[in-house]
Amino acid sequence: MGNKMRMAVAAGSLTLAMGMGVFVGAAWARQEYMDQALSDLRDAKSNLQEARHDKGGHRIAAIRYIDEAIDEVQAGIEAGR
């Protein structure tokens, strides 16, 4: 194989590798499952806030735990960026 052919193969391989890196980086940055979990937690909190009865303090405790879970998911999303 001549030098020009080797250079072309090397350049093509590098371009392919860089392109794959962009796609992997985009998939990593999206974090679809974390984003969905965050949305679900916010929906659950909203539902609990709309509930009429305290259920012996359990509704308030659940809201507090959801707030903690939201904080953790947000921290995980930030760590993944």
PDB file of N, CA and C in Angstrom:
ATOM      1  N   MET A   1       0.863  -1.169   0.000  1.00  0.00           N
ATOM      2  CA  MET A   1       0.000   0.000   0.000  1.00  0.00           C
ATOM      3  C   MET A   1       0.910   1.233   0.000  1.00  0.00           C
ATOM      4  N   GLY A   2       0.607   2.200  -0.864  1.00  0.00           N
ATOM      5  CA  GLY A   2       1.417   3.405  -0.963  1.00  0.00           C
ATOM      6  C   GLY A   2       1.146   4.366   0.178  1.00  0.00           C
ATOM      7  N   ASN A   3       2.032   5.338   0.309  1.00  0.00           N
ATOM      8  CA  ASN A   3       1.896   6.339   1.375  1.00  0.00           C
ATOM      9  C   ASN A   3       0.594   7.120   1.266  1.00  0.00           C
ATOM     10  N   LYS A   4       0.207   7.473   0.033  1.00  0.00           N
ATOM     11  CA  LYS A   4      -1.039   8.224  -0.144  1.00  0.00           C
ATOM     12  C   LYS A   4      -2.236   7.403   0.308  1.00  0.00           C
ATOM     13  N   MET A   5      -2.207   6.103   0.009  1.00  0.00           N
ATOM     14  CA  MET A   5      -3.307   5.221   0.418  1.00  0.00           C
ATOM     15  C   MET A   5      -3.331   5.076   1.938  1.00  0.00           C
ATOM     16  N   ARG A   6      -2.183   4.930   2.558  1.00  0.00           N
ATOM     17  CA  ARG A   6      -2.115   4.820   4.025  1.00  0.00           C
ATOM     18  C   ARG A   6      -2.645   6.097   4.682  1.00  0.00           C
ATOM     19  N   MET A   7      -2.255   7.223   4.129  1.00  0.00           N
ATOM     20  CA  MET A   7      -2.724   8.501   4.667  1.00  0.00           C
ATOM     21  C   MET A   7      -4.241   8.623   4.519  1.00  0.00           C
ATOM     22  N   ALA A   8      -4.768   8.195   3.391  1.00  0.00           N
ATOM     23  CA  ALA A   8      -6.209   8.258   3.159  1.00  0.00           C
ATOM     24  C   ALA A   8      -6.945   7.348   4.128  1.00  0.00           C
ATOM     25  N   VAL A   9      -6.426   6.136   4.346  1.00  0.00           N
ATOM     26  CA  VAL A   9      -7.050   5.194   5.289  1.00  0.00           C
ATOM     27  C   VAL A   9      -6.984   5.756   6.702  1.00  0.00           C
ATOM     28  N   ALA A  10      -5.836   6.320   7.073  1.00  0.00           N
ATOM     29  CA  ALA A  10      -5.677   6.889   8.414  1.00  0.00           C
ATOM     30  C   ALA A  10      -6.628   8.068   8.604  1.00  0.00           C
ATOM     31  N   ALA A  11      -6.724   8.931   7.606  1.00  0.00           N
ATOM     32  CA  ALA A  11      -7.619  10.087   7.704  1.00  0.00           C
ATOM     33  C   ALA A  11      -9.075   9.642   7.794  1.00  0.00           C
ATOM     34  N   GLY A  12      -9.434   8.644   7.010  1.00  0.00           N
ATOM     35  CA  GLY A  12     -10.802   8.125   7.053  1.00  0.00           C
ATOM     36  C   GLY A  12     -11.124   7.499   8.399  1.00  0.00           C
ATOM     37  N   SER A  13     -10.168   6.755   8.942  1.00  0.00           N
ATOM     38  CA  SER A  13     -10.367   6.132  10.257  1.00  0.00           C
ATOM     39  C   SER A  13     -10.522   7.183  11.350  1.00  0.00           C
ATOM     40  N   LEU A  14      -9.696   8.206  11.289  1.00  0.00           N
ATOM     41  CA  LEU A  14      -9.774   9.279  12.274  1.00  0.00           C
ATOM     42  C   LEU A  14     -11.109  10.012  12.179  1.00  0.00           C
ATOM     43  N   THR A  15     -11.545  10.294  10.968  1.00  0.00           N
ATOM     44  CA  THR A  15     -12.835  10.956  10.762  1.00  0.00           C
ATOM     45  C   THR A  15     -13.980  10.115  11.301  1.00  0.00           C
ATOM     46  N   LEU A  16     -13.936   8.822  11.040  1.00  0.00           N
ATOM     47  CA  LEU A  16     -14.971   7.914  11.540  1.00  0.00           C
ATOM     48  C   LEU A  16     -14.973   7.878  13.065  1.00  0.00           C
ATOM     49  N   ALA A  17     -13.785   7.780  13.656  1.00  0.00           N
ATOM     50  CA  ALA A  17     -13.689   7.739  15.114  1.00  0.00           C
ATOM     51  C   ALA A  17     -14.217   9.022  15.742  1.00  0.00           C
ATOM     52  N   MET A  18     -13.875  10.157  15.147  1.00  0.00           N
ATOM     53  CA  MET A  18     -14.357  11.431  15.682  1.00  0.00           C
ATOM     54  C   MET A  18     -15.870  11.545  15.540  1.00  0.00           C
ATOM     55  N   GLY A  19     -16.392  11.088  14.416  1.00  0.00           N
ATOM     56  CA  GLY A  19     -17.841  11.114  14.207  1.00  0.00           C
ATOM     57  C   GLY A  19     -18.565  10.240  15.206  1.00  0.00           C
ATOM     58  N   MET A  20     -18.024   9.069  15.480  1.00  0.00           N
ATOM     59  CA  MET A  20     -18.641   8.179  16.462  1.00  0.00           C
ATOM     60  C   MET A  20     -18.600   8.819  17.843  1.00  0.00           C
ATOM     61  N   GLY A  21     -17.523   9.523  18.152  1.00  0.00           N
ATOM     62  CA  GLY A  21     -17.409  10.203  19.441  1.00  0.00           C
ATOM     63  C   GLY A  21     -18.488  11.251  19.623  1.00  0.00           C
ATOM     64  N   VAL A  22     -18.814  11.951  18.551  1.00  0.00           N
ATOM     65  CA  VAL A  22     -19.871  12.961  18.615  1.00  0.00           C
ATOM     66  C   VAL A  22     -21.210  12.301  18.925  1.00  0.00           C
ATOM     67  N   PHE A  23     -21.509  11.188  18.259  1.00  0.00           N
ATOM     68  CA  PHE A  23     -22.784  10.503  18.506  1.00  0.00           C
ATOM     69  C   PHE A  23     -22.845   9.941  19.918  1.00  0.00           C
ATOM     70  N   VAL A  24     -21.762   9.360  20.390  1.00  0.00           N
ATOM     71  CA  VAL A  24     -21.743   8.816  21.752  1.00  0.00           C
ATOM     72  C   VAL A  24     -21.888   9.947  22.755  1.00  0.00           C
ATOM     73  N   GLY A  25     -21.191  11.063  22.521  1.00  0.00           N
ATOM     74  CA  GLY A  25     -21.295  12.213  23.419  1.00  0.00           C
ATOM     75  C   GLY A  25     -22.700  12.771  23.463  1.00  0.00           C
ATOM     76  N   ALA A  26     -23.369  12.834  22.319  1.00  0.00           N
ATOM     77  CA  ALA A  26     -24.740  13.340  22.278  1.00  0.00           C
ATOM     78  C   ALA A  26     -25.676  12.411  23.035  1.00  0.00           C
ATOM     79  N   ALA A  27     -25.502  11.116  22.868  1.00  0.00           N
ATOM     80  CA  ALA A  27     -26.347  10.149  23.578  1.00  0.00           C
ATOM     81  C   ALA A  27     -26.102  10.248  25.080  1.00  0.00           C
ATOM     82  N   TRP A  28     -24.856  10.420  25.472  1.00  0.00           N
ATOM     83  CA  TRP A  28     -24.506  10.530  26.889  1.00  0.00           C
ATOM     84  C   TRP A  28     -25.137  11.793  27.480  1.00  0.00           C
ATOM     85  N   ALA A  29     -25.065  12.901  26.742  1.00  0.00           N
ATOM     86  CA  ALA A  29     -25.559  14.173  27.251  1.00  0.00           C
ATOM     87  C   ALA A  29     -27.078  14.200  27.383  1.00  0.00           C
ATOM     88  N   ARG A  30     -27.787  13.431  26.548  1.00  0.00           N
ATOM     89  CA  ARG A  30     -29.253  13.461  26.581  1.00  0.00           C
ATOM     90  C   ARG A  30     -29.808  12.894  27.872  1.00  0.00           C
ATOM     91  N   GLN A  31     -29.281  11.778  28.325  1.00  0.00           N
ATOM     92  CA  GLN A  31     -29.706  11.168  29.585  1.00  0.00           C
ATOM     93  C   GLN A  31     -31.221  11.005  29.666  1.00  0.00           C
ATOM     94  N   GLU A  32     -31.771  10.361  28.668  1.00  0.00           N
ATOM     95  CA  GLU A  32     -33.227  10.234  28.566  1.00  0.00           C
ATOM     96  C   GLU A  32     -33.873   9.650  29.823  1.00  0.00           C
ATOM     97  N   TYR A  33     -33.273   8.627  30.393  1.00  0.00           N
ATOM     98  CA  TYR A  33     -33.888   7.975  31.556  1.00  0.00           C
ATOM     99  C   TYR A  33     -33.847   8.886  32.788  1.00  0.00           C
ATOM    100  N   MET A  34     -32.757   9.605  32.949  1.00  0.00           N
ATOM    101  CA  MET A  34     -32.670  10.535  34.083  1.00  0.00           C
ATOM    102  C   MET A  34     -33.677  11.675  33.908  1.00  0.00           C
ATOM    103  N   ASP A  35     -33.779  12.198  32.691  1.00  0.00           N
ATOM    104  CA  ASP A  35     -34.748  13.261  32.427  1.00  0.00           C
ATOM    105  C   ASP A  35     -36.175  12.778  32.676  1.00  0.00           C
ATOM    106  N   GLN A  36     -36.473  11.549  32.258  1.00  0.00           N
ATOM    107  CA  GLN A  36     -37.813  11.005  32.474  1.00  0.00           C
ATOM    108  C   GLN A  36     -38.080  10.785  33.958  1.00  0.00           C
ATOM    109  N   ALA A  37     -37.078  10.303  34.677  1.00  0.00           N
ATOM    110  CA  ALA A  37     -37.232  10.103  36.119  1.00  0.00           C
ATOM    111  C   ALA A  37     -37.518  11.428  36.818  1.00  0.00           C
ATOM    112  N   LEU A  38     -36.816  12.470  36.409  1.00  0.00           N
ATOM    113  CA  LEU A  38     -37.033  13.789  36.994  1.00  0.00           C
ATOM    114  C   LEU A  38     -38.457  14.269  36.737  1.00  0.00           C
ATOM    115  N   SER A  39     -38.922  14.078  35.529  1.00  0.00           N
ATOM    116  CA  SER A  39     -40.294  14.462  35.183  1.00  0.00           C
ATOM    117  C   SER A  39     -41.308  13.664  36.002  1.00  0.00           C
ATOM    118  N   ASP A  40     -41.077  12.359  36.134  1.00  0.00           N
ATOM    119  CA  ASP A  40     -41.990  11.507  36.908  1.00  0.00           C
ATOM    120  C   ASP A  40     -42.023  11.918  38.380  1.00  0.00           C
ATOM    121  N   LEU A  41     -40.855  12.238  38.933  1.00  0.00           N
ATOM    122  CA  LEU A  41     -40.806  12.675  40.328  1.00  0.00           C
ATOM    123  C   LEU A  41     -41.571  13.985  40.519  1.00  0.00           C
ATOM    124  N   ARG A  42     -41.417  14.892  39.584  1.00  0.00           N
ATOM    125  CA  ARG A  42     -42.151  16.163  39.682  1.00  0.00           C
ATOM    126  C   ARG A  42     -43.654  15.945  39.579  1.00  0.00           C
ATOM    127  N   ASP A  43     -44.068  15.015  38.714  1.00  0.00           N
ATOM    128  CA  ASP A  43     -45.496  14.679  38.610  1.00  0.00           C
ATOM    129  C   ASP A  43     -46.004  14.068  39.912  1.00  0.00           C
ATOM    130  N   ALA A  44     -45.222  13.168  40.493  1.00  0.00           N
ATOM    131  CA  ALA A  44     -45.621  12.533  41.753  1.00  0.00           C
ATOM    132  C   ALA A  44     -45.755  13.572  42.859  1.00  0.00           C
ATOM    133  N   LYS A  45     -44.807  14.497  42.924  1.00  0.00           N
ATOM    134  CA  LYS A  45     -44.869  15.556  43.940  1.00  0.00           C
ATOM    135  C   LYS A  45     -46.128  16.399  43.752  1.00  0.00           C
ATOM    136  N   SER A  46     -46.422  16.745  42.523  1.00  0.00           N
ATOM    137  CA  SER A  46     -47.608  17.536  42.231  1.00  0.00           C
ATOM    138  C   SER A  46     -48.874  16.801  42.677  1.00  0.00           C
ATOM    139  N   ASN A  47     -48.944  15.511  42.392  1.00  0.00           N
ATOM    140  CA  ASN A  47     -50.102  14.719  42.803  1.00  0.00           C
ATOM    141  C   ASN A  47     -50.242  14.695  44.315  1.00  0.00           C
ATOM    142  N   LEU A  48     -49.126  14.524  45.019  1.00  0.00           N
ATOM    143  CA  LEU A  48     -49.184  14.504  46.477  1.00  0.00           C
ATOM    144  C   LEU A  48     -49.590  15.861  47.038  1.00  0.00           C
ATOM    145  N   GLN A  49     -49.148  16.927  46.415  1.00  0.00           N
ATOM    146  CA  GLN A  49     -49.512  18.261  46.883  1.00  0.00           C
ATOM    147  C   GLN A  49     -50.997  18.540  46.683  1.00  0.00           C
ATOM    148  N   GLU A  50     -51.589  17.916  45.687  1.00  0.00           N
ATOM    149  CA  GLU A  50     -53.017  18.103  45.412  1.00  0.00           C
ATOM    150  C   GLU A  50     -53.907  17.254  46.329  1.00  0.00           C
ATOM    151  N   ALA A  51     -53.328  16.245  46.957  1.00  0.00           N
ATOM    152  CA  ALA A  51     -54.116  15.365  47.829  1.00  0.00           C
ATOM    153  C   ALA A  51     -54.692  16.176  48.993  1.00  0.00           C
ATOM    154  N   ARG A  52     -55.904  15.797  49.429  1.00  0.00           N
ATOM    155  CA  ARG A  52     -56.596  16.564  50.462  1.00  0.00           C
ATOM    156  C   ARG A  52     -56.193  16.176  51.880  1.00  0.00           C
ATOM    157  N   HIS A  53     -55.890  14.927  52.106  1.00  0.00           N
ATOM    158  CA  HIS A  53     -55.629  14.460  53.470  1.00  0.00           C
ATOM    159  C   HIS A  53     -54.139  14.209  53.676  1.00  0.00           C
ATOM    160  N   ASP A  54     -53.703  14.392  54.914  1.00  0.00           N
ATOM    161  CA  ASP A  54     -52.289  14.239  55.253  1.00  0.00           C
ATOM    162  C   ASP A  54     -51.884  12.778  55.412  1.00  0.00           C
ATOM    163  N   LYS A  55     -52.827  11.902  55.638  1.00  0.00           N
ATOM    164  CA  LYS A  55     -52.569  10.462  55.794  1.00  0.00           C
ATOM    165  C   LYS A  55     -51.597  10.179  56.939  1.00  0.00           C
ATOM    166  N   GLY A  56     -51.836  10.821  58.063  1.00  0.00           N
ATOM    167  CA  GLY A  56     -51.019  10.569  59.248  1.00  0.00           C
ATOM    168  C   GLY A  56     -49.581  11.047  59.104  1.00  0.00           C
ATOM    169  N   GLY A  57     -49.365  12.072  58.308  1.00  0.00           N
ATOM    170  CA  GLY A  57     -48.018  12.613  58.115  1.00  0.00           C
ATOM    171  C   GLY A  57     -47.257  11.970  56.976  1.00  0.00           C
ATOM    172  N   HIS A  58     -47.804  10.896  56.433  1.00  0.00           N
ATOM    173  CA  HIS A  58     -47.091  10.172  55.375  1.00  0.00           C
ATOM    174  C   HIS A  58     -47.033  10.947  54.057  1.00  0.00           C
ATOM    175  N   ARG A  59     -48.056  11.708  53.762  1.00  0.00           N
ATOM    176  CA  ARG A  59     -48.047  12.501  52.524  1.00  0.00           C
ATOM    177  C   ARG A  59     -46.928  13.541  52.574  1.00  0.00           C
ATOM    178  N   ILE A  60     -46.794  14.225  53.687  1.00  0.00           N
ATOM    179  CA  ILE A  60     -45.745  15.242  53.853  1.00  0.00           C
ATOM    180  C   ILE A  60     -44.366  14.586  53.795  1.00  0.00           C
ATOM    181  N   ALA A  61     -44.227  13.427  54.451  1.00  0.00           N
ATOM    182  CA  ALA A  61     -42.944  12.712  54.413  1.00  0.00           C
ATOM    183  C   ALA A  61     -42.597  12.294  52.983  1.00  0.00           C
ATOM    184  N   ALA A  62     -43.604  11.838  52.245  1.00  0.00           N
ATOM    185  CA  ALA A  62     -43.371  11.419  50.861  1.00  0.00           C
ATOM    186  C   ALA A  62     -42.916  12.602  50.014  1.00  0.00           C
ATOM    187  N   ILE A  63     -43.512  13.761  50.221  1.00  0.00           N
ATOM    188  CA  ILE A  63     -43.095  14.957  49.490  1.00  0.00           C
ATOM    189  C   ILE A  63     -41.643  15.295  49.817  1.00  0.00           C
ATOM    190  N   ARG A  64     -41.285  15.180  51.070  1.00  0.00           N
ATOM    191  CA  ARG A  64     -39.904  15.457  51.495  1.00  0.00           C
ATOM    192  C   ARG A  64     -38.929  14.485  50.820  1.00  0.00           C
ATOM    193  N   TYR A  65     -39.294  13.194  50.768  1.00  0.00           N
ATOM    194  CA  TYR A  65     -38.435  12.199  50.116  1.00  0.00           C
ATOM    195  C   TYR A  65     -38.338  12.447  48.612  1.00  0.00           C
ATOM    196  N   ILE A  66     -39.432  12.871  48.020  1.00  0.00           N
ATOM    197  CA  ILE A  66     -39.408  13.176  46.581  1.00  0.00           C
ATOM    198  C   ILE A  66     -38.503  14.381  46.322  1.00  0.00           C
ATOM    199  N   ASP A  67     -38.561  15.388  47.198  1.00  0.00           N
ATOM    200  CA  ASP A  67     -37.666  16.540  47.035  1.00  0.00           C
ATOM    201  C   ASP A  67     -36.200  16.089  47.086  1.00  0.00           C
ATOM    202  N   GLU A  68     -35.884  15.180  48.011  1.00  0.00           N
ATOM    203  CA  GLU A  68     -34.521  14.647  48.093  1.00  0.00           C
ATOM    204  C   GLU A  68     -34.160  13.866  46.830  1.00  0.00           C
ATOM    205  N   ALA A  69     -35.097  13.080  46.320  1.00  0.00           N
ATOM    206  CA  ALA A  69     -34.851  12.307  45.103  1.00  0.00           C
ATOM    207  C   ALA A  69     -34.645  13.236  43.904  1.00  0.00           C
ATOM    208  N   ILE A  70     -35.429  14.293  43.819  1.00  0.00           N
ATOM    209  CA  ILE A  70     -35.267  15.269  42.743  1.00  0.00           C
ATOM    210  C   ILE A  70     -33.861  15.870  42.799  1.00  0.00           C
ATOM    211  N   ASP A  71     -33.417  16.237  44.000  1.00  0.00           N
ATOM    212  CA  ASP A  71     -32.064  16.790  44.157  1.00  0.00           C
ATOM    213  C   ASP A  71     -31.002  15.800  43.680  1.00  0.00           C
ATOM    214  N   GLU A  72     -31.169  14.532  44.033  1.00  0.00           N
ATOM    215  CA  GLU A  72     -30.194  13.512  43.643  1.00  0.00           C
ATOM    216  C   GLU A  72     -30.186  13.280  42.129  1.00  0.00           C
ATOM    217  N   VAL A  73     -31.362  13.238  41.527  1.00  0.00           N
ATOM    218  CA  VAL A  73     -31.432  13.050  40.072  1.00  0.00           C
ATOM    219  C   VAL A  73     -30.803  14.242  39.363  1.00  0.00           C
ATOM    220  N   GLN A  74     -31.084  15.446  39.843  1.00  0.00           N
ATOM    221  CA  GLN A  74     -30.469  16.626  39.228  1.00  0.00           C
ATOM    222  C   GLN A  74     -28.954  16.594  39.363  1.00  0.00           C
ATOM    223  N   ALA A  75     -28.466  16.159  40.510  1.00  0.00           N
ATOM    224  CA  ALA A  75     -27.014  16.044  40.703  1.00  0.00           C
ATOM    225  C   ALA A  75     -26.436  14.984  39.755  1.00  0.00           C
ATOM    226  N   GLY A  76     -27.167  13.898  39.566  1.00  0.00           N
ATOM    227  CA  GLY A  76     -26.714  12.873  38.635  1.00  0.00           C
ATOM    228  C   GLY A  76     -26.672  13.374  37.194  1.00  0.00           C
ATOM    229  N   ILE A  77     -27.657  14.152  36.820  1.00  0.00           N
ATOM    230  CA  ILE A  77     -27.683  14.731  35.472  1.00  0.00           C
ATOM    231  C   ILE A  77     -26.478  15.659  35.290  1.00  0.00           C
ATOM    232  N   GLU A  78     -26.214  16.491  36.286  1.00  0.00           N
ATOM    233  CA  GLU A  78     -25.064  17.396  36.210  1.00  0.00           C
ATOM    234  C   GLU A  78     -23.746  16.616  36.135  1.00  0.00           C
ATOM    235  N   ALA A  79     -23.647  15.541  36.898  1.00  0.00           N
ATOM    236  CA  ALA A  79     -22.430  14.728  36.885  1.00  0.00           C
ATOM    237  C   ALA A  79     -22.227  14.056  35.529  1.00  0.00           C
ATOM    238  N   GLY A  80     -23.320  13.782  34.858  1.00  0.00           N
ATOM    239  CA  GLY A  80     -23.240  13.112  33.559  1.00  0.00           C
ATOM    240  C   GLY A  80     -22.908  14.041  32.407  1.00  0.00           C
ATOM    241  N   ARG A  81     -22.897  15.322  32.668  1.00  0.00           N
ATOM    242  CA  ARG A  81     -22.603  16.283  31.583  1.00  0.00           C
ATOM    243  C   ARG A  81     -21.164  16.458  31.393  1.00  0.00           C
TER     244      ARG A  81
END
